[in-house]
N, C-alpha and C. Protein backbone atom coordinates (compact mmCIF):
# COMPACT_ATOMS: atom_id res chain seq x y z
N MET A 1 -3.58 -20.78 -51.09
CA MET A 1 -2.87 -21.49 -50.02
C MET A 1 -1.82 -20.58 -49.46
N VAL A 2 -1.56 -20.67 -48.12
CA VAL A 2 -0.59 -19.82 -47.47
C VAL A 2 0.67 -20.62 -47.27
N ASP A 3 1.85 -20.04 -47.63
CA ASP A 3 3.10 -20.82 -47.45
C ASP A 3 3.57 -20.48 -45.99
N ASN A 4 3.70 -21.52 -45.12
CA ASN A 4 4.11 -21.44 -43.78
C ASN A 4 5.54 -21.59 -43.55
N THR A 5 6.25 -21.93 -44.57
CA THR A 5 7.73 -22.18 -44.43
C THR A 5 8.51 -20.88 -44.22
N LYS A 6 9.56 -20.95 -43.39
CA LYS A 6 10.22 -19.76 -43.07
C LYS A 6 11.31 -19.47 -44.16
N THR A 7 11.67 -18.26 -44.30
CA THR A 7 12.58 -17.81 -45.33
C THR A 7 14.00 -17.92 -44.76
N SER A 8 14.99 -17.11 -45.32
CA SER A 8 16.30 -17.21 -44.93
C SER A 8 16.59 -16.68 -43.52
N THR A 9 15.62 -16.11 -42.89
CA THR A 9 15.78 -15.55 -41.48
C THR A 9 15.45 -16.69 -40.50
N GLN A 10 15.29 -17.87 -41.04
CA GLN A 10 14.94 -18.94 -40.13
C GLN A 10 16.20 -19.24 -39.25
N VAL A 11 15.89 -19.49 -37.93
CA VAL A 11 16.93 -19.78 -36.95
C VAL A 11 17.42 -21.22 -37.11
N LYS A 12 18.70 -21.31 -37.35
CA LYS A 12 19.38 -22.67 -37.53
C LYS A 12 19.85 -23.15 -36.20
N PRO A 13 19.82 -24.40 -35.93
CA PRO A 13 20.25 -25.01 -34.68
C PRO A 13 21.67 -24.46 -34.31
N GLY A 14 21.84 -24.04 -33.10
CA GLY A 14 23.18 -23.59 -32.72
C GLY A 14 23.34 -22.07 -32.84
N ASN A 15 22.58 -21.38 -33.57
CA ASN A 15 22.74 -19.99 -33.84
C ASN A 15 21.71 -19.26 -32.76
N ASN A 16 22.36 -18.31 -32.03
CA ASN A 16 21.66 -17.55 -31.08
C ASN A 16 21.28 -16.13 -31.67
N ARG A 17 20.05 -15.95 -31.88
CA ARG A 17 19.66 -14.59 -32.51
C ARG A 17 19.37 -13.61 -31.50
N GLY A 18 18.95 -13.88 -30.26
CA GLY A 18 18.50 -12.91 -29.26
C GLY A 18 19.54 -12.60 -28.26
N GLY A 19 19.35 -11.49 -27.65
CA GLY A 19 20.19 -11.06 -26.53
C GLY A 19 21.59 -10.57 -26.95
N ARG A 20 22.46 -10.58 -25.92
CA ARG A 20 23.80 -10.08 -26.19
C ARG A 20 24.71 -11.20 -26.92
N PRO A 21 25.76 -10.87 -27.36
CA PRO A 21 26.66 -11.82 -27.90
C PRO A 21 27.21 -12.62 -26.71
N ALA A 22 27.60 -13.91 -26.98
CA ALA A 22 28.13 -14.71 -25.93
C ALA A 22 29.46 -14.11 -25.39
N HIS A 23 29.63 -14.16 -24.05
CA HIS A 23 30.88 -13.72 -23.33
C HIS A 23 32.01 -14.66 -23.62
N LYS A 24 33.17 -14.10 -24.04
CA LYS A 24 34.32 -15.02 -24.25
C LYS A 24 35.49 -14.51 -23.36
N PRO A 25 35.73 -15.29 -22.32
CA PRO A 25 36.77 -14.90 -21.37
C PRO A 25 38.22 -15.01 -22.04
N ASN A 26 39.12 -14.13 -21.66
CA ASN A 26 40.49 -14.21 -22.17
C ASN A 26 41.41 -14.05 -21.03
N ASP A 27 42.72 -14.12 -21.25
CA ASP A 27 43.70 -14.09 -20.19
C ASP A 27 43.63 -12.79 -19.41
N THR A 28 43.42 -11.73 -20.08
CA THR A 28 43.37 -10.30 -19.42
C THR A 28 42.13 -10.28 -18.50
N SER A 29 41.04 -10.76 -18.93
CA SER A 29 39.79 -10.71 -18.15
C SER A 29 39.92 -11.70 -16.94
N LYS A 30 40.61 -12.82 -17.13
CA LYS A 30 40.72 -13.73 -15.92
C LYS A 30 41.71 -13.20 -14.99
N ALA A 31 42.77 -12.55 -15.42
CA ALA A 31 43.72 -11.93 -14.50
C ALA A 31 43.04 -10.76 -13.69
N MET A 32 42.15 -10.02 -14.39
CA MET A 32 41.47 -8.89 -13.72
C MET A 32 40.52 -9.43 -12.70
N VAL A 33 39.80 -10.44 -12.92
CA VAL A 33 38.85 -11.14 -11.90
C VAL A 33 39.67 -11.67 -10.78
N MET A 34 40.80 -12.27 -11.01
CA MET A 34 41.66 -12.82 -9.98
C MET A 34 42.18 -11.76 -9.01
N GLU A 35 42.65 -10.62 -9.57
CA GLU A 35 43.19 -9.48 -8.83
C GLU A 35 42.06 -8.79 -7.99
N ALA A 36 40.86 -8.56 -8.67
CA ALA A 36 39.82 -7.87 -8.00
C ALA A 36 39.29 -8.77 -6.87
N ILE A 37 39.16 -10.03 -6.98
CA ILE A 37 38.65 -10.87 -5.90
C ILE A 37 39.74 -10.89 -4.79
N GLY A 38 41.02 -10.97 -5.14
CA GLY A 38 42.14 -10.93 -4.14
C GLY A 38 42.10 -9.60 -3.38
N MET A 39 41.67 -8.53 -3.97
CA MET A 39 41.66 -7.21 -3.29
C MET A 39 40.37 -7.14 -2.46
N GLY A 40 39.38 -8.05 -2.54
CA GLY A 40 38.20 -8.00 -1.81
C GLY A 40 37.00 -7.37 -2.46
N MET A 41 36.97 -7.18 -3.76
CA MET A 41 35.94 -6.56 -4.46
C MET A 41 34.80 -7.60 -4.61
N GLU A 42 33.55 -7.09 -4.60
CA GLU A 42 32.39 -7.93 -4.62
C GLU A 42 32.16 -8.37 -6.02
N GLN A 43 31.55 -9.63 -6.18
CA GLN A 43 31.33 -10.19 -7.44
C GLN A 43 30.41 -9.28 -8.30
N THR A 44 29.42 -8.62 -7.70
CA THR A 44 28.51 -7.73 -8.50
C THR A 44 29.27 -6.61 -9.21
N MET A 45 30.25 -6.09 -8.45
CA MET A 45 31.01 -4.99 -9.05
C MET A 45 31.93 -5.43 -10.12
N ILE A 46 32.54 -6.64 -9.94
CA ILE A 46 33.37 -7.19 -10.93
C ILE A 46 32.58 -7.47 -12.20
N ALA A 47 31.39 -8.00 -12.04
CA ALA A 47 30.47 -8.27 -13.13
C ALA A 47 30.15 -6.98 -13.94
N LYS A 48 29.94 -5.82 -13.17
CA LYS A 48 29.67 -4.58 -13.89
C LYS A 48 30.92 -4.15 -14.63
N LEU A 49 32.09 -4.31 -14.06
CA LEU A 49 33.29 -3.88 -14.80
C LEU A 49 33.48 -4.68 -16.09
N LEU A 50 33.14 -5.94 -16.11
CA LEU A 50 33.20 -6.76 -17.33
C LEU A 50 32.05 -6.72 -18.22
N ASP A 51 31.00 -5.97 -17.78
CA ASP A 51 29.72 -5.76 -18.46
C ASP A 51 29.08 -7.15 -18.79
N VAL A 52 28.96 -7.92 -17.71
CA VAL A 52 28.32 -9.12 -17.73
C VAL A 52 27.40 -9.19 -16.45
N CYS A 53 26.48 -10.14 -16.48
CA CYS A 53 25.64 -10.26 -15.29
C CYS A 53 26.39 -11.31 -14.32
N PRO A 54 26.14 -11.20 -13.00
CA PRO A 54 26.90 -12.01 -11.99
C PRO A 54 26.75 -13.49 -12.34
N LYS A 55 25.69 -13.97 -12.89
CA LYS A 55 25.55 -15.40 -13.22
C LYS A 55 26.59 -15.82 -14.30
N THR A 56 26.82 -14.87 -15.24
CA THR A 56 27.90 -15.13 -16.28
C THR A 56 29.18 -15.12 -15.67
N LEU A 57 29.45 -14.15 -14.81
CA LEU A 57 30.80 -14.09 -14.07
C LEU A 57 31.03 -15.42 -13.45
N ARG A 58 30.06 -15.91 -12.74
CA ARG A 58 30.31 -17.17 -11.98
C ARG A 58 30.52 -18.40 -12.91
N LYS A 59 29.87 -18.31 -14.06
CA LYS A 59 29.84 -19.44 -15.06
C LYS A 59 31.21 -19.49 -15.68
N PHE A 60 31.84 -18.33 -16.10
CA PHE A 60 33.12 -18.34 -16.83
C PHE A 60 34.38 -18.16 -15.97
N TYR A 61 34.20 -17.63 -14.77
CA TYR A 61 35.34 -17.33 -13.94
C TYR A 61 35.33 -18.03 -12.55
N ARG A 62 34.74 -19.30 -12.57
CA ARG A 62 34.58 -19.96 -11.21
C ARG A 62 36.02 -20.20 -10.57
N ASP A 63 36.92 -20.62 -11.36
CA ASP A 63 38.24 -20.93 -10.66
C ASP A 63 38.85 -19.68 -10.11
N GLU A 64 38.72 -18.54 -10.91
CA GLU A 64 39.40 -17.25 -10.38
C GLU A 64 38.60 -16.77 -9.15
N LEU A 65 37.24 -16.85 -9.06
CA LEU A 65 36.54 -16.53 -7.94
C LEU A 65 36.83 -17.37 -6.78
N ASP A 66 37.09 -18.66 -6.96
CA ASP A 66 37.35 -19.59 -5.86
C ASP A 66 38.75 -19.40 -5.31
N THR A 67 39.74 -19.14 -6.14
CA THR A 67 41.11 -19.10 -5.66
C THR A 67 41.78 -17.75 -5.54
N GLY A 68 41.18 -16.67 -6.03
CA GLY A 68 41.67 -15.31 -6.04
C GLY A 68 42.18 -14.82 -4.73
N LYS A 69 41.32 -14.93 -3.71
CA LYS A 69 41.74 -14.50 -2.38
C LYS A 69 42.97 -15.26 -1.90
N ALA A 70 42.96 -16.60 -1.94
CA ALA A 70 44.09 -17.31 -1.46
C ALA A 70 45.33 -17.01 -2.16
N ARG A 71 45.22 -16.82 -3.58
CA ARG A 71 46.39 -16.48 -4.33
C ARG A 71 47.03 -15.11 -3.87
N ALA A 72 46.15 -14.21 -3.70
CA ALA A 72 46.60 -12.88 -3.23
C ALA A 72 47.31 -12.89 -1.84
N ASN A 73 46.69 -13.64 -0.99
CA ASN A 73 47.33 -13.88 0.38
C ASN A 73 48.63 -14.59 0.27
N MET A 74 48.75 -15.52 -0.62
CA MET A 74 49.91 -16.23 -0.74
C MET A 74 51.07 -15.23 -1.40
N THR A 75 50.74 -14.39 -2.31
CA THR A 75 51.61 -13.44 -2.80
C THR A 75 52.19 -12.51 -1.79
N VAL A 76 51.26 -11.97 -0.98
CA VAL A 76 51.68 -11.08 0.08
C VAL A 76 52.53 -11.80 1.13
N ALA A 77 52.18 -13.02 1.44
CA ALA A 77 52.95 -13.79 2.44
C ALA A 77 54.26 -14.04 1.90
N LYS A 78 54.43 -14.45 0.68
CA LYS A 78 55.75 -14.71 0.08
C LYS A 78 56.61 -13.56 0.16
N SER A 79 56.03 -12.26 -0.15
CA SER A 79 56.77 -11.08 -0.19
C SER A 79 57.29 -10.73 1.27
N LEU A 80 56.36 -10.87 2.25
CA LEU A 80 56.69 -10.60 3.66
C LEU A 80 57.68 -11.55 4.14
N TYR A 81 57.52 -12.80 3.82
CA TYR A 81 58.48 -13.85 4.18
C TYR A 81 59.91 -13.51 3.60
N GLY A 82 59.96 -13.15 2.30
CA GLY A 82 61.24 -12.84 1.72
C GLY A 82 61.91 -11.72 2.45
N ARG A 83 61.13 -10.67 2.80
CA ARG A 83 61.65 -9.47 3.53
C ARG A 83 62.15 -9.88 4.83
N ALA A 84 61.39 -10.73 5.58
CA ALA A 84 61.68 -11.14 6.96
C ALA A 84 62.96 -11.93 7.09
N ILE A 85 63.08 -12.85 6.13
CA ILE A 85 64.31 -13.78 6.15
C ILE A 85 65.58 -13.09 5.58
N SER A 86 65.36 -11.96 4.85
CA SER A 86 66.56 -11.28 4.29
C SER A 86 67.39 -10.67 5.42
N GLY A 87 66.88 -10.43 6.58
CA GLY A 87 67.61 -9.73 7.61
C GLY A 87 67.69 -8.24 7.51
N LYS A 88 67.19 -7.75 6.40
CA LYS A 88 67.26 -6.25 6.22
C LYS A 88 66.03 -5.48 6.72
N ASP A 89 64.94 -6.22 6.95
CA ASP A 89 63.69 -5.62 7.24
C ASP A 89 63.30 -6.02 8.65
N THR A 90 63.73 -5.31 9.71
CA THR A 90 63.45 -5.78 11.11
C THR A 90 61.99 -5.75 11.34
N ILE A 91 61.26 -4.84 10.87
CA ILE A 91 59.77 -4.71 11.11
C ILE A 91 59.09 -6.01 10.57
N ALA A 92 59.36 -6.40 9.23
CA ALA A 92 58.86 -7.57 8.75
C ALA A 92 59.20 -8.80 9.56
N SER A 93 60.48 -8.95 10.05
CA SER A 93 60.83 -10.03 10.82
C SER A 93 59.96 -10.00 12.18
N ILE A 94 59.85 -8.96 12.82
CA ILE A 94 59.03 -8.92 14.07
C ILE A 94 57.58 -9.24 13.82
N PHE A 95 57.09 -8.68 12.73
CA PHE A 95 55.60 -8.95 12.35
C PHE A 95 55.50 -10.49 12.15
N TRP A 96 56.40 -11.03 11.39
CA TRP A 96 56.32 -12.49 11.05
C TRP A 96 56.37 -13.34 12.36
N LEU A 97 57.22 -13.04 13.32
CA LEU A 97 57.28 -13.74 14.55
C LEU A 97 56.07 -13.51 15.41
N LYS A 98 55.54 -12.33 15.42
CA LYS A 98 54.30 -12.02 16.21
C LYS A 98 53.09 -12.95 15.69
N ALA A 99 52.97 -12.87 14.35
CA ALA A 99 51.79 -13.44 13.63
C ALA A 99 52.01 -14.97 13.62
N ARG A 100 53.18 -15.48 13.44
CA ARG A 100 53.38 -16.96 13.20
C ARG A 100 53.89 -17.70 14.39
N ASP A 101 54.63 -17.04 15.33
CA ASP A 101 55.29 -17.77 16.38
C ASP A 101 54.80 -17.38 17.81
N GLY A 102 53.76 -16.50 17.87
CA GLY A 102 53.16 -16.14 19.07
C GLY A 102 53.97 -15.07 19.90
N TRP A 103 54.93 -14.38 19.37
CA TRP A 103 55.65 -13.38 20.05
C TRP A 103 54.63 -12.29 20.45
N GLN A 104 55.04 -11.59 21.59
CA GLN A 104 54.12 -10.52 22.07
C GLN A 104 54.96 -9.39 22.54
N ASP A 105 54.44 -8.20 22.45
CA ASP A 105 55.15 -7.02 23.05
C ASP A 105 54.81 -7.08 24.56
N THR A 106 55.81 -6.82 25.28
CA THR A 106 55.61 -6.77 26.79
C THR A 106 56.20 -5.41 27.28
N GLN A 107 55.51 -4.91 28.27
CA GLN A 107 55.98 -3.70 28.94
C GLN A 107 56.10 -3.93 30.41
N LYS A 108 57.28 -3.59 30.86
CA LYS A 108 57.58 -3.67 32.24
C LYS A 108 57.33 -2.41 32.95
N THR A 109 56.30 -2.36 33.91
CA THR A 109 56.01 -1.28 34.64
C THR A 109 56.64 -1.28 35.95
N VAL A 110 57.41 -0.23 36.29
CA VAL A 110 58.16 -0.14 37.63
C VAL A 110 57.47 0.95 38.53
N HIS A 111 57.05 0.48 39.61
CA HIS A 111 56.42 1.41 40.55
C HIS A 111 57.53 1.78 41.55
N GLU A 112 57.65 3.09 41.69
CA GLU A 112 58.83 3.52 42.59
C GLU A 112 58.19 4.04 43.96
N GLY A 113 56.94 3.65 44.20
CA GLY A 113 56.39 4.03 45.45
C GLY A 113 55.46 5.17 45.25
N LEU A 114 54.86 5.67 46.36
CA LEU A 114 53.96 6.80 46.33
C LEU A 114 54.75 8.18 46.37
N PRO A 115 54.28 9.17 45.74
CA PRO A 115 54.97 10.42 45.90
C PRO A 115 54.82 10.98 47.34
N GLU A 116 55.69 11.84 47.70
CA GLU A 116 55.66 12.39 48.99
C GLU A 116 54.48 13.37 49.26
N LYS A 117 54.22 14.16 48.20
CA LYS A 117 53.10 15.02 48.26
C LYS A 117 52.32 15.02 47.01
N ILE A 118 50.98 15.27 47.07
CA ILE A 118 50.14 15.44 46.02
C ILE A 118 49.49 16.80 46.05
N SER A 119 49.55 17.53 44.91
CA SER A 119 49.02 18.90 44.82
C SER A 119 47.84 18.90 43.89
N VAL A 120 46.62 19.34 44.31
CA VAL A 120 45.50 19.45 43.44
C VAL A 120 45.12 20.84 43.48
N THR A 121 44.83 21.44 42.30
CA THR A 121 44.23 22.81 42.25
C THR A 121 42.95 22.84 41.64
N PHE A 122 41.99 23.56 42.23
CA PHE A 122 40.66 23.66 41.56
C PHE A 122 40.15 25.08 41.86
N ALA A 123 39.14 25.44 41.10
CA ALA A 123 38.47 26.70 41.22
C ALA A 123 37.03 26.58 41.44
N LEU A 124 36.45 27.39 42.42
CA LEU A 124 35.17 27.30 42.72
C LEU A 124 34.49 28.74 42.47
N LYS A 125 33.38 28.85 41.92
CA LYS A 125 32.76 30.21 41.77
C LYS A 125 31.73 30.23 42.86
N ALA A 126 31.77 31.38 43.42
CA ALA A 126 30.87 31.68 44.57
C ALA A 126 29.45 31.68 44.08
N PRO A 127 28.48 31.31 44.90
CA PRO A 127 27.03 31.20 44.38
C PRO A 127 26.54 32.52 43.94
N ASP A 128 26.91 33.67 44.51
CA ASP A 128 26.47 34.92 44.09
C ASP A 128 27.21 35.51 42.86
N SER A 129 27.92 34.65 42.17
CA SER A 129 28.76 35.07 40.96
C SER A 129 29.77 36.11 41.37
N GLY A 130 30.26 35.89 42.55
CA GLY A 130 31.38 36.78 43.00
C GLY A 130 32.70 36.30 42.48
N PRO A 131 33.70 36.71 43.18
CA PRO A 131 35.08 36.33 42.71
C PRO A 131 35.35 34.81 42.70
N ILE A 132 36.20 34.36 41.85
CA ILE A 132 36.58 33.00 41.89
C ILE A 132 37.48 32.73 43.00
N ILE A 133 37.23 31.69 43.75
CA ILE A 133 38.01 31.25 44.92
C ILE A 133 38.92 30.18 44.43
N GLU A 134 40.20 30.31 44.58
CA GLU A 134 41.14 29.21 44.26
C GLU A 134 41.76 28.60 45.50
N ALA A 135 41.85 27.35 45.39
CA ALA A 135 42.43 26.60 46.60
C ALA A 135 43.39 25.52 46.05
N THR A 136 44.50 25.43 46.78
CA THR A 136 45.44 24.44 46.47
C THR A 136 45.77 23.58 47.76
N PRO A 137 45.02 22.53 47.92
CA PRO A 137 45.36 21.73 49.10
C PRO A 137 46.58 20.91 48.86
N VAL A 138 47.41 20.67 49.78
CA VAL A 138 48.60 19.89 49.69
C VAL A 138 48.37 18.81 50.69
N VAL A 139 48.51 17.63 50.20
CA VAL A 139 48.27 16.39 51.15
C VAL A 139 49.68 15.90 51.29
N ASP A 140 50.09 15.78 52.57
CA ASP A 140 51.38 15.09 52.90
C ASP A 140 51.07 13.66 53.16
N LEU A 141 51.50 12.78 52.26
CA LEU A 141 51.11 11.41 52.43
C LEU A 141 52.03 10.75 53.44
N ILE A 142 53.23 11.20 53.63
CA ILE A 142 54.07 10.54 54.61
C ILE A 142 53.60 10.69 56.03
N GLU A 143 53.00 11.86 56.45
CA GLU A 143 52.47 12.02 57.74
C GLU A 143 51.17 11.26 57.92
N GLN A 144 50.51 10.92 56.96
CA GLN A 144 49.17 10.20 57.08
C GLN A 144 49.40 8.69 57.38
N LYS A 145 50.60 8.15 57.19
CA LYS A 145 50.82 6.77 57.44
C LYS A 145 50.47 6.29 58.77
């Protein structure tokens, strides 16, 4: 008779014998995912850095993936806002007003009329490859009125 019972290598419920060990996120890995998402890194690249598959990344770091970009934008906005309201960083203040309050750069162009004379110089080469002929016509705009 053959004994069909398993020996000590029998898999007990809850024990995973195959594949990689289970991923265990920690504060350092969560912070890294948050920063990487905030900087615009793709999920596939972050998964490679953590040595996990993208599905595992999404399973264990859902909150970081969902909020990382907004948190990074908030951090930068707080920094810019602080510099703008300090009164010591004029560029930050101007940027803030342009982005948030609709300020625009304007340029005032003043036309002082037409010039009295326009001079144009050009060079023509003779068809027989002879000497270059230079001409400088001067147009007197005042007399043409």
